[in-house]
Amino acid sequence: METLEKVTVRLSAETIRLLQELVDKGEFPTMSDAVRSAVDRFLGDRFTPETRIEIIESPRDDGIIEMSTLVRNGDAVLINDEVCGSLRDYIRSRLDKG
């Protein structure tokens, strides 16, 4: 089983409300699961499976992967904007199906 680490992300009240709506509808057991799913989808759109393995298996001096290395140059001014945008898109796509 993979080790989970805690990350703090600031989200707008609107995004939190939409995430809670998905949890309330039973699409996810918790808000953490909804956010994790959106982040997984975001990373899946950015990296091939081979690249993901290469990054994950590459040795790091500090054992920490800098979030900024996971976003291509020019994708977003702030990483938070990119993650929030991806979350919004994902939530809208899920709500459109429901």
PDB file of N, CA and C in Angstrom:
ATOM      1  N   MET A   1       0.846  -1.187   0.000  1.00  0.00           N
ATOM      2  CA  MET A   1       0.000   0.000   0.000  1.00  0.00           C
ATOM      3  C   MET A   1       0.883   1.240   0.000  1.00  0.00           C
ATOM      4  N   GLU A   2       0.499   2.223  -0.800  1.00  0.00           N
ATOM      5  CA  GLU A   2       1.313   3.431  -0.870  1.00  0.00           C
ATOM      6  C   GLU A   2       1.172   4.269   0.403  1.00  0.00           C
ATOM      7  N   THR A   3       2.233   4.991   0.716  1.00  0.00           N
ATOM      8  CA  THR A   3       2.227   5.868   1.876  1.00  0.00           C
ATOM      9  C   THR A   3       1.567   7.183   1.486  1.00  0.00           C
ATOM     10  N   LEU A   4       0.649   7.647   2.290  1.00  0.00           N
ATOM     11  CA  LEU A   4      -0.016   8.917   2.036  1.00  0.00           C
ATOM     12  C   LEU A   4       0.627   9.998   2.887  1.00  0.00           C
ATOM     13  N   GLU A   5       0.777  11.175   2.306  1.00  0.00           N
ATOM     14  CA  GLU A   5       1.300  12.323   3.017  1.00  0.00           C
ATOM     15  C   GLU A   5       0.262  13.426   2.978  1.00  0.00           C
ATOM     16  N   LYS A   6       0.329  14.303   3.933  1.00  0.00           N
ATOM     17  CA  LYS A   6      -0.630  15.398   4.036  1.00  0.00           C
ATOM     18  C   LYS A   6      -0.121  16.615   3.262  1.00  0.00           C
ATOM     19  N   VAL A   7      -1.031  17.227   2.490  1.00  0.00           N
ATOM     20  CA  VAL A   7      -0.753  18.463   1.760  1.00  0.00           C
ATOM     21  C   VAL A   7      -1.911  19.413   2.042  1.00  0.00           C
ATOM     22  N   THR A   8      -1.597  20.654   2.292  1.00  0.00           N
ATOM     23  CA  THR A   8      -2.627  21.651   2.516  1.00  0.00           C
ATOM     24  C   THR A   8      -2.808  22.481   1.254  1.00  0.00           C
ATOM     25  N   VAL A   9      -4.065  22.613   0.813  1.00  0.00           N
ATOM     26  CA  VAL A   9      -4.391  23.384  -0.386  1.00  0.00           C
ATOM     27  C   VAL A   9      -5.506  24.347  -0.024  1.00  0.00           C
ATOM     28  N   ARG A  10      -5.360  25.579  -0.421  1.00  0.00           N
ATOM     29  CA  ARG A  10      -6.421  26.560  -0.195  1.00  0.00           C
ATOM     30  C   ARG A  10      -7.344  26.555  -1.412  1.00  0.00           C
ATOM     31  N   LEU A  11      -8.642  26.390  -1.158  1.00  0.00           N
ATOM     32  CA  LEU A  11      -9.643  26.349  -2.219  1.00  0.00           C
ATOM     33  C   LEU A  11     -10.714  27.388  -1.928  1.00  0.00           C
ATOM     34  N   SER A  12     -11.338  27.858  -2.982  1.00  0.00           N
ATOM     35  CA  SER A  12     -12.417  28.835  -2.801  1.00  0.00           C
ATOM     36  C   SER A  12     -13.616  28.161  -2.144  1.00  0.00           C
ATOM     37  N   ALA A  13     -14.452  28.961  -1.539  1.00  0.00           N
ATOM     38  CA  ALA A  13     -15.668  28.443  -0.909  1.00  0.00           C
ATOM     39  C   ALA A  13     -16.546  27.742  -1.939  1.00  0.00           C
ATOM     40  N   GLU A  14     -16.555  28.260  -3.161  1.00  0.00           N
ATOM     41  CA  GLU A  14     -17.357  27.667  -4.229  1.00  0.00           C
ATOM     42  C   GLU A  14     -16.843  26.272  -4.581  1.00  0.00           C
ATOM     43  N   THR A  15     -15.528  26.129  -4.669  1.00  0.00           N
ATOM     44  CA  THR A  15     -14.939  24.830  -4.992  1.00  0.00           C
ATOM     45  C   THR A  15     -15.226  23.834  -3.874  1.00  0.00           C
ATOM     46  N   ILE A  16     -15.108  24.266  -2.646  1.00  0.00           N
ATOM     47  CA  ILE A  16     -15.394  23.386  -1.511  1.00  0.00           C
ATOM     48  C   ILE A  16     -16.859  22.954  -1.531  1.00  0.00           C
ATOM     49  N   ARG A  17     -17.738  23.878  -1.841  1.00  0.00           N
ATOM     50  CA  ARG A  17     -19.178  23.551  -1.920  1.00  0.00           C
ATOM     51  C   ARG A  17     -19.428  22.514  -3.002  1.00  0.00           C
ATOM     52  N   LEU A  18     -18.792  22.649  -4.151  1.00  0.00           N
ATOM     53  CA  LEU A  18     -18.962  21.681  -5.237  1.00  0.00           C
ATOM     54  C   LEU A  18     -18.397  20.312  -4.862  1.00  0.00           C
ATOM     55  N   LEU A  19     -17.243  20.312  -4.211  1.00  0.00           N
ATOM     56  CA  LEU A  19     -16.675  19.045  -3.750  1.00  0.00           C
ATOM     57  C   LEU A  19     -17.616  18.374  -2.741  1.00  0.00           C
ATOM     58  N   GLN A  20     -18.148  19.159  -1.833  1.00  0.00           N
ATOM     59  CA  GLN A  20     -19.069  18.602  -0.839  1.00  0.00           C
ATOM     60  C   GLN A  20     -20.313  18.043  -1.504  1.00  0.00           C
ATOM     61  N   GLU A  21     -20.758  18.669  -2.564  1.00  0.00           N
ATOM     62  CA  GLU A  21     -21.921  18.175  -3.314  1.00  0.00           C
ATOM     63  C   GLU A  21     -21.644  16.775  -3.871  1.00  0.00           C
ATOM     64  N   LEU A  22     -20.431  16.559  -4.383  1.00  0.00           N
ATOM     65  CA  LEU A  22     -20.059  15.232  -4.892  1.00  0.00           C
ATOM     66  C   LEU A  22     -20.047  14.197  -3.761  1.00  0.00           C
ATOM     67  N   VAL A  23     -19.554  14.606  -2.602  1.00  0.00           N
ATOM     68  CA  VAL A  23     -19.549  13.701  -1.441  1.00  0.00           C
ATOM     69  C   VAL A  23     -20.986  13.419  -1.010  1.00  0.00           C
ATOM     70  N   ASP A  24     -21.822  14.456  -0.934  1.00  0.00           N
ATOM     71  CA  ASP A  24     -23.211  14.291  -0.512  1.00  0.00           C
ATOM     72  C   ASP A  24     -23.993  13.382  -1.462  1.00  0.00           C
ATOM     73  N   LYS A  25     -23.652  13.429  -2.754  1.00  0.00           N
ATOM     74  CA  LYS A  25     -24.321  12.575  -3.747  1.00  0.00           C
ATOM     75  C   LYS A  25     -23.790  11.145  -3.719  1.00  0.00           C
ATOM     76  N   GLY A  26     -22.754  10.904  -2.922  1.00  0.00           N
ATOM     77  CA  GLY A  26     -22.207   9.565  -2.796  1.00  0.00           C
ATOM     78  C   GLY A  26     -21.178   9.193  -3.849  1.00  0.00           C
ATOM     79  N   GLU A  27     -20.721  10.189  -4.635  1.00  0.00           N
ATOM     80  CA  GLU A  27     -19.718   9.887  -5.658  1.00  0.00           C
ATOM     81  C   GLU A  27     -18.350   9.638  -5.044  1.00  0.00           C
ATOM     82  N   PHE A  28     -18.112  10.186  -3.865  1.00  0.00           N
ATOM     83  CA  PHE A  28     -16.869   9.977  -3.132  1.00  0.00           C
ATOM     84  C   PHE A  28     -17.221   9.828  -1.661  1.00  0.00           C
ATOM     85  N   PRO A  29     -16.489   8.965  -0.945  1.00  0.00           N
ATOM     86  CA  PRO A  29     -16.785   8.805   0.484  1.00  0.00           C
ATOM     87  C   PRO A  29     -16.383  10.021   1.326  1.00  0.00           C
ATOM     88  N   THR A  30     -15.333  10.717   0.904  1.00  0.00           N
ATOM     89  CA  THR A  30     -14.871  11.893   1.646  1.00  0.00           C
ATOM     90  C   THR A  30     -14.406  12.965   0.673  1.00  0.00           C
ATOM     91  N   MET A  31     -14.272  14.178   1.190  1.00  0.00           N
ATOM     92  CA  MET A  31     -13.751  15.259   0.375  1.00  0.00           C
ATOM     93  C   MET A  31     -12.299  14.982  -0.015  1.00  0.00           C
ATOM     94  N   SER A  32     -11.538  14.372   0.881  1.00  0.00           N
ATOM     95  CA  SER A  32     -10.152  14.016   0.562  1.00  0.00           C
ATOM     96  C   SER A  32     -10.094  13.078  -0.639  1.00  0.00           C
ATOM     97  N   ASP A  33     -11.009  12.123  -0.702  1.00  0.00           N
ATOM     98  CA  ASP A  33     -11.040  11.207  -1.841  1.00  0.00           C
ATOM     99  C   ASP A  33     -11.366  11.952  -3.138  1.00  0.00           C
ATOM    100  N   ALA A  34     -12.260  12.924  -3.069  1.00  0.00           N
ATOM    101  CA  ALA A  34     -12.612  13.708  -4.249  1.00  0.00           C
ATOM    102  C   ALA A  34     -11.412  14.522  -4.734  1.00  0.00           C
ATOM    103  N   VAL A  35     -10.716  15.170  -3.807  1.00  0.00           N
ATOM    104  CA  VAL A  35      -9.539  15.967  -4.163  1.00  0.00           C
ATOM    105  C   VAL A  35      -8.440  15.056  -4.710  1.00  0.00           C
ATOM    106  N   ARG A  36      -8.224  13.918  -4.055  1.00  0.00           N
ATOM    107  CA  ARG A  36      -7.198  12.972  -4.509  1.00  0.00           C
ATOM    108  C   ARG A  36      -7.493  12.502  -5.938  1.00  0.00           C
ATOM    109  N   SER A  37      -8.754  12.221  -6.212  1.00  0.00           N
ATOM    110  CA  SER A  37      -9.154  11.779  -7.547  1.00  0.00           C
ATOM    111  C   SER A  37      -8.883  12.865  -8.593  1.00  0.00           C
ATOM    112  N   ALA A  38      -9.194  14.109  -8.248  1.00  0.00           N
ATOM    113  CA  ALA A  38      -8.957  15.217  -9.173  1.00  0.00           C
ATOM    114  C   ALA A  38      -7.460  15.422  -9.425  1.00  0.00           C
ATOM    115  N   VAL A  39      -6.666  15.317  -8.372  1.00  0.00           N
ATOM    116  CA  VAL A  39      -5.213  15.471  -8.521  1.00  0.00           C
ATOM    117  C   VAL A  39      -4.645  14.327  -9.354  1.00  0.00           C
ATOM    118  N   ASP A  40      -5.123  13.102  -9.115  1.00  0.00           N
ATOM    119  CA  ASP A  40      -4.664  11.963  -9.919  1.00  0.00           C
ATOM    120  C   ASP A  40      -4.977  12.176 -11.394  1.00  0.00           C
ATOM    121  N   ARG A  41      -6.163  12.678 -11.670  1.00  0.00           N
ATOM    122  CA  ARG A  41      -6.546  12.946 -13.063  1.00  0.00           C
ATOM    123  C   ARG A  41      -5.663  14.045 -13.666  1.00  0.00           C
ATOM    124  N   PHE A  42      -5.421  15.091 -12.900  1.00  0.00           N
ATOM    125  CA  PHE A  42      -4.552  16.189 -13.327  1.00  0.00           C
ATOM    126  C   PHE A  42      -3.169  15.663 -13.693  1.00  0.00           C
ATOM    127  N   LEU A  43      -2.580  14.836 -12.814  1.00  0.00           N
ATOM    128  CA  LEU A  43      -1.240  14.294 -13.077  1.00  0.00           C
ATOM    129  C   LEU A  43      -1.264  13.318 -14.249  1.00  0.00           C
ATOM    130  N   GLY A  44      -2.336  12.568 -14.377  1.00  0.00           N
ATOM    131  CA  GLY A  44      -2.477  11.654 -15.503  1.00  0.00           C
ATOM    132  C   GLY A  44      -2.523  12.373 -16.836  1.00  0.00           C
ATOM    133  N   ASP A  45      -3.085  13.583 -16.828  1.00  0.00           N
ATOM    134  CA  ASP A  45      -3.125  14.394 -18.054  1.00  0.00           C
ATOM    135  C   ASP A  45      -1.759  14.978 -18.392  1.00  0.00           C
ATOM    136  N   ARG A  46      -0.891  15.131 -17.409  1.00  0.00           N
ATOM    137  CA  ARG A  46       0.398  15.794 -17.600  1.00  0.00           C
ATOM    138  C   ARG A  46       1.556  14.834 -17.873  1.00  0.00           C
ATOM    139  N   PHE A  47       1.438  13.598 -17.372  1.00  0.00           N
ATOM    140  CA  PHE A  47       2.558  12.664 -17.453  1.00  0.00           C
ATOM    141  C   PHE A  47       2.126  11.335 -18.038  1.00  0.00           C
ATOM    142  N   THR A  48       2.979  10.758 -18.865  1.00  0.00           N
ATOM    143  CA  THR A  48       2.753   9.395 -19.322  1.00  0.00           C
ATOM    144  C   THR A  48       3.035   8.464 -18.146  1.00  0.00           C
ATOM    145  N   PRO A  49       2.519   7.244 -18.167  1.00  0.00           N
ATOM    146  CA  PRO A  49       2.827   6.311 -17.087  1.00  0.00           C
ATOM    147  C   PRO A  49       4.335   6.090 -16.928  1.00  0.00           C
ATOM    148  N   GLU A  50       5.057   6.044 -18.042  1.00  0.00           N
ATOM    149  CA  GLU A  50       6.502   5.842 -17.982  1.00  0.00           C
ATOM    150  C   GLU A  50       7.197   7.013 -17.299  1.00  0.00           C
ATOM    151  N   THR A  51       6.787   8.237 -17.628  1.00  0.00           N
ATOM    152  CA  THR A  51       7.382   9.419 -17.020  1.00  0.00           C
ATOM    153  C   THR A  51       7.078   9.471 -15.534  1.00  0.00           C
ATOM    154  N   ARG A  52       5.864   9.100 -15.164  1.00  0.00           N
ATOM    155  CA  ARG A  52       5.503   9.084 -13.742  1.00  0.00           C
ATOM    156  C   ARG A  52       6.408   8.143 -12.966  1.00  0.00           C
ATOM    157  N   ILE A  53       6.617   6.945 -13.504  1.00  0.00           N
ATOM    158  CA  ILE A  53       7.485   5.962 -12.836  1.00  0.00           C
ATOM    159  C   ILE A  53       8.901   6.500 -12.738  1.00  0.00           C
ATOM    160  N   GLU A  54       9.375   7.099 -13.826  1.00  0.00           N
ATOM    161  CA  GLU A  54      10.734   7.656 -13.839  1.00  0.00           C
ATOM    162  C   GLU A  54      10.905   8.718 -12.753  1.00  0.00           C
ATOM    163  N   ILE A  55       9.951   9.608 -12.625  1.00  0.00           N
ATOM    164  CA  ILE A  55      10.021  10.678 -11.617  1.00  0.00           C
ATOM    165  C   ILE A  55       9.939  10.086 -10.210  1.00  0.00           C
ATOM    166  N   ILE A  56       9.002   9.186 -10.007  1.00  0.00           N
ATOM    167  CA  ILE A  56       8.798   8.611  -8.686  1.00  0.00           C
ATOM    168  C   ILE A  56      10.006   7.793  -8.239  1.00  0.00           C
ATOM    169  N   GLU A  57      10.613   7.075  -9.177  1.00  0.00           N
ATOM    170  CA  GLU A  57      11.735   6.204  -8.824  1.00  0.00           C
ATOM    171  C   GLU A  57      13.091   6.908  -8.824  1.00  0.00           C
ATOM    172  N   SER A  58      13.141   8.138  -9.334  1.00  0.00           N
ATOM    173  CA  SER A  58      14.424   8.838  -9.363  1.00  0.00           C
ATOM    174  C   SER A  58      14.828   9.230  -7.946  1.00  0.00           C
ATOM    175  N   PRO A  59      16.115   9.064  -7.625  1.00  0.00           N
ATOM    176  CA  PRO A  59      16.572   9.400  -6.272  1.00  0.00           C
ATOM    177  C   PRO A  59      16.506  10.906  -6.027  1.00  0.00           C
ATOM    178  N   ARG A  60      16.148  11.257  -4.806  1.00  0.00           N
ATOM    179  CA  ARG A  60      16.102  12.653  -4.387  1.00  0.00           C
ATOM    180  C   ARG A  60      16.958  12.781  -3.139  1.00  0.00           C
ATOM    181  N   ASP A  61      17.703  13.866  -3.048  1.00  0.00           N
ATOM    182  CA  ASP A  61      18.540  14.075  -1.867  1.00  0.00           C
ATOM    183  C   ASP A  61      17.722  14.232  -0.600  1.00  0.00           C
ATOM    184  N   ASP A  62      16.608  14.988  -0.711  1.00  0.00           N
ATOM    185  CA  ASP A  62      15.819  15.287   0.477  1.00  0.00           C
ATOM    186  C   ASP A  62      14.580  14.401   0.618  1.00  0.00           C
ATOM    187  N   GLY A  63      14.320  13.593  -0.378  1.00  0.00           N
ATOM    188  CA  GLY A  63      13.158  12.721  -0.331  1.00  0.00           C
ATOM    189  C   GLY A  63      11.845  13.435  -0.590  1.00  0.00           C
ATOM    190  N   ILE A  64      11.906  14.721  -0.944  1.00  0.00           N
ATOM    191  CA  ILE A  64      10.694  15.504  -1.181  1.00  0.00           C
ATOM    192  C   ILE A  64      10.651  15.905  -2.653  1.00  0.00           C
ATOM    193  N   ILE A  65       9.503  15.738  -3.275  1.00  0.00           N
ATOM    194  CA  ILE A  65       9.316  16.173  -4.650  1.00  0.00           C
ATOM    195  C   ILE A  65       8.722  17.580  -4.605  1.00  0.00           C
ATOM    196  N   GLU A  66       9.406  18.513  -5.211  1.00  0.00           N
ATOM    197  CA  GLU A  66       8.908  19.878  -5.274  1.00  0.00           C
ATOM    198  C   GLU A  66       7.695  19.923  -6.207  1.00  0.00           C
ATOM    199  N   MET A  67       6.571  20.463  -5.733  1.00  0.00           N
ATOM    200  CA  MET A  67       5.374  20.545  -6.560  1.00  0.00           C
ATOM    201  C   MET A  67       5.649  21.302  -7.843  1.00  0.00           C
ATOM    202  N   SER A  68       6.523  22.304  -7.792  1.00  0.00           N
ATOM    203  CA  SER A  68       6.801  23.108  -8.986  1.00  0.00           C
ATOM    204  C   SER A  68       7.419  22.280 -10.099  1.00  0.00           C
ATOM    205  N   THR A  69       8.069  21.158  -9.773  1.00  0.00           N
ATOM    206  CA  THR A  69       8.650  20.319 -10.826  1.00  0.00           C
ATOM    207  C   THR A  69       7.590  19.495 -11.533  1.00  0.00           C
ATOM    208  N   LEU A  70       6.388  19.436 -10.984  1.00  0.00           N
ATOM    209  CA  LEU A  70       5.328  18.637 -11.582  1.00  0.00           C
ATOM    210  C   LEU A  70       4.483  19.411 -12.583  1.00  0.00           C
ATOM    211  N   VAL A  71       4.727  20.686 -12.717  1.00  0.00           N
ATOM    212  CA  VAL A  71       3.972  21.516 -13.642  1.00  0.00           C
ATOM    213  C   VAL A  71       4.921  22.043 -14.701  1.00  0.00           C
ATOM    214  N   ARG A  72       4.563  21.838 -15.964  1.00  0.00           N
ATOM    215  CA  ARG A  72       5.405  22.323 -17.046  1.00  0.00           C
ATOM    216  C   ARG A  72       5.468  23.851 -17.015  1.00  0.00           C
ATOM    217  N   ASN A  73       6.582  24.389 -17.462  1.00  0.00           N
ATOM    218  CA  ASN A  73       6.728  25.846 -17.520  1.00  0.00           C
ATOM    219  C   ASN A  73       5.607  26.446 -18.357  1.00  0.00           C
ATOM    220  N   GLY A  74       5.015  27.506 -17.865  1.00  0.00           N
ATOM    221  CA  GLY A  74       3.977  28.209 -18.600  1.00  0.00           C
ATOM    222  C   GLY A  74       2.574  27.668 -18.383  1.00  0.00           C
ATOM    223  N   ASP A  75       2.416  26.547 -17.669  1.00  0.00           N
ATOM    224  CA  ASP A  75       1.085  25.988 -17.453  1.00  0.00           C
ATOM    225  C   ASP A  75       0.237  26.884 -16.553  1.00  0.00           C
ATOM    226  N   ALA A  76       0.851  27.451 -15.565  1.00  0.00           N
ATOM    227  CA  ALA A  76       0.103  28.286 -14.629  1.00  0.00           C
ATOM    228  C   ALA A  76       1.068  29.245 -13.954  1.00  0.00           C
ATOM    229  N   VAL A  77       0.560  30.418 -13.627  1.00  0.00           N
ATOM    230  CA  VAL A  77       1.384  31.374 -12.903  1.00  0.00           C
ATOM    231  C   VAL A  77       1.654  30.827 -11.508  1.00  0.00           C
ATOM    232  N   LEU A  78       0.642  30.293 -10.891  1.00  0.00           N
ATOM    233  CA  LEU A  78       0.785  29.682  -9.576  1.00  0.00           C
ATOM    234  C   LEU A  78       0.297  28.244  -9.657  1.00  0.00           C
ATOM    235  N   ILE A  79       0.989  27.348  -9.014  1.00  0.00           N
ATOM    236  CA  ILE A  79       0.588  25.947  -9.015  1.00  0.00           C
ATOM    237  C   ILE A  79      -0.810  25.808  -8.440  1.00  0.00           C
ATOM    238  N   ASN A  80      -1.113  26.570  -7.424  1.00  0.00           N
ATOM    239  CA  ASN A  80      -2.437  26.520  -6.812  1.00  0.00           C
ATOM    240  C   ASN A  80      -3.523  26.831  -7.837  1.00  0.00           C
ATOM    241  N   ASP A  81      -3.278  27.809  -8.720  1.00  0.00           N
ATOM    242  CA  ASP A  81      -4.248  28.144  -9.754  1.00  0.00           C
ATOM    243  C   ASP A  81      -4.486  26.958 -10.675  1.00  0.00           C
ATOM    244  N   GLU A  82      -3.428  26.261 -11.025  1.00  0.00           N
ATOM    245  CA  GLU A  82      -3.547  25.114 -11.915  1.00  0.00           C
ATOM    246  C   GLU A  82      -4.329  23.984 -11.250  1.00  0.00           C
ATOM    247  N   VAL A  83      -4.022  23.706 -10.006  1.00  0.00           N
ATOM    248  CA  VAL A  83      -4.721  22.635  -9.298  1.00  0.00           C
ATOM    249  C   VAL A  83      -6.195  23.009  -9.115  1.00  0.00           C
ATOM    250  N   CYS A  84      -6.464  24.230  -8.706  1.00  0.00           N
ATOM    251  CA  CYS A  84      -7.851  24.668  -8.533  1.00  0.00           C
ATOM    252  C   CYS A  84      -8.613  24.633  -9.854  1.00  0.00           C
ATOM    253  N   GLY A  85      -7.971  25.065 -10.930  1.00  0.00           N
ATOM    254  CA  GLY A  85      -8.610  25.018 -12.246  1.00  0.00           C
ATOM    255  C   GLY A  85      -8.927  23.596 -12.660  1.00  0.00           C
ATOM    256  N   SER A  86      -7.995  22.697 -12.411  1.00  0.00           N
ATOM    257  CA  SER A  86      -8.209  21.295 -12.737  1.00  0.00           C
ATOM    258  C   SER A  86      -9.342  20.704 -11.905  1.00  0.00           C
ATOM    259  N   LEU A  87      -9.367  21.047 -10.630  1.00  0.00           N
ATOM    260  CA  LEU A  87     -10.449  20.590  -9.760  1.00  0.00           C
ATOM    261  C   LEU A  87     -11.802  21.093 -10.245  1.00  0.00           C
ATOM    262  N   ARG A  88     -11.867  22.372 -10.586  1.00  0.00           N
ATOM    263  CA  ARG A  88     -13.124  22.947 -11.077  1.00  0.00           C
ATOM    264  C   ARG A  88     -13.596  22.217 -12.327  1.00  0.00           C
ATOM    265  N   ASP A  89     -12.682  21.993 -13.289  1.00  0.00           N
ATOM    266  CA  ASP A  89     -13.042  21.301 -14.525  1.00  0.00           C
ATOM    267  C   ASP A  89     -13.546  19.892 -14.238  1.00  0.00           C
ATOM    268  N   TYR A  90     -12.847  19.211 -13.340  1.00  0.00           N
ATOM    269  CA  TYR A  90     -13.221  17.847 -13.008  1.00  0.00           C
ATOM    270  C   TYR A  90     -14.592  17.811 -12.332  1.00  0.00           C
ATOM    271  N   ILE A  91     -14.816  18.706 -11.388  1.00  0.00           N
ATOM    272  CA  ILE A  91     -16.096  18.745 -10.670  1.00  0.00           C
ATOM    273  C   ILE A  91     -17.225  19.058 -11.639  1.00  0.00           C
ATOM    274  N   ARG A  92     -17.028  20.022 -12.511  1.00  0.00           N
ATOM    275  CA  ARG A  92     -18.071  20.349 -13.495  1.00  0.00           C
ATOM    276  C   ARG A  92     -18.383  19.163 -14.384  1.00  0.00           C
ATOM    277  N   SER A  93     -17.346  18.444 -14.815  1.00  0.00           N
ATOM    278  CA  SER A  93     -17.581  17.288 -15.688  1.00  0.00           C
ATOM    279  C   SER A  93     -18.373  16.214 -14.941  1.00  0.00           C
ATOM    280  N   ARG A  94     -18.097  16.022 -13.646  1.00  0.00           N
ATOM    281  CA  ARG A  94     -18.841  15.030 -12.858  1.00  0.00           C
ATOM    282  C   ARG A  94     -20.278  15.468 -12.628  1.00  0.00           C
ATOM    283  N   LEU A  95     -20.476  16.768 -12.359  1.00  0.00           N
ATOM    284  CA  LEU A  95     -21.840  17.266 -12.121  1.00  0.00           C
ATOM    285  C   LEU A  95     -22.660  17.233 -13.397  1.00  0.00           C
ATOM    286  N   ASP A  96     -22.029  17.455 -14.557  1.00  0.00           N
ATOM    287  CA  ASP A  96     -22.731  17.407 -15.835  1.00  0.00           C
ATOM    288  C   ASP A  96     -23.250  16.001 -16.134  1.00  0.00           C
ATOM    289  N   LYS A  97     -22.539  14.985 -15.629  1.00  0.00           N
ATOM    290  CA  LYS A  97     -22.958  13.601 -15.863  1.00  0.00           C
ATOM    291  C   LYS A  97     -24.125  13.207 -14.962  1.00  0.00           C
ATOM    292  N   GLY A  98     -24.278  13.935 -13.849  1.00  0.00           N
ATOM    293  CA  GLY A  98     -25.291  13.567 -12.829  1.00  0.00           C
ATOM    294  C   GLY A  98     -26.587  14.209 -13.023  1.00  0.00           C
TER     295      GLY A  98
END
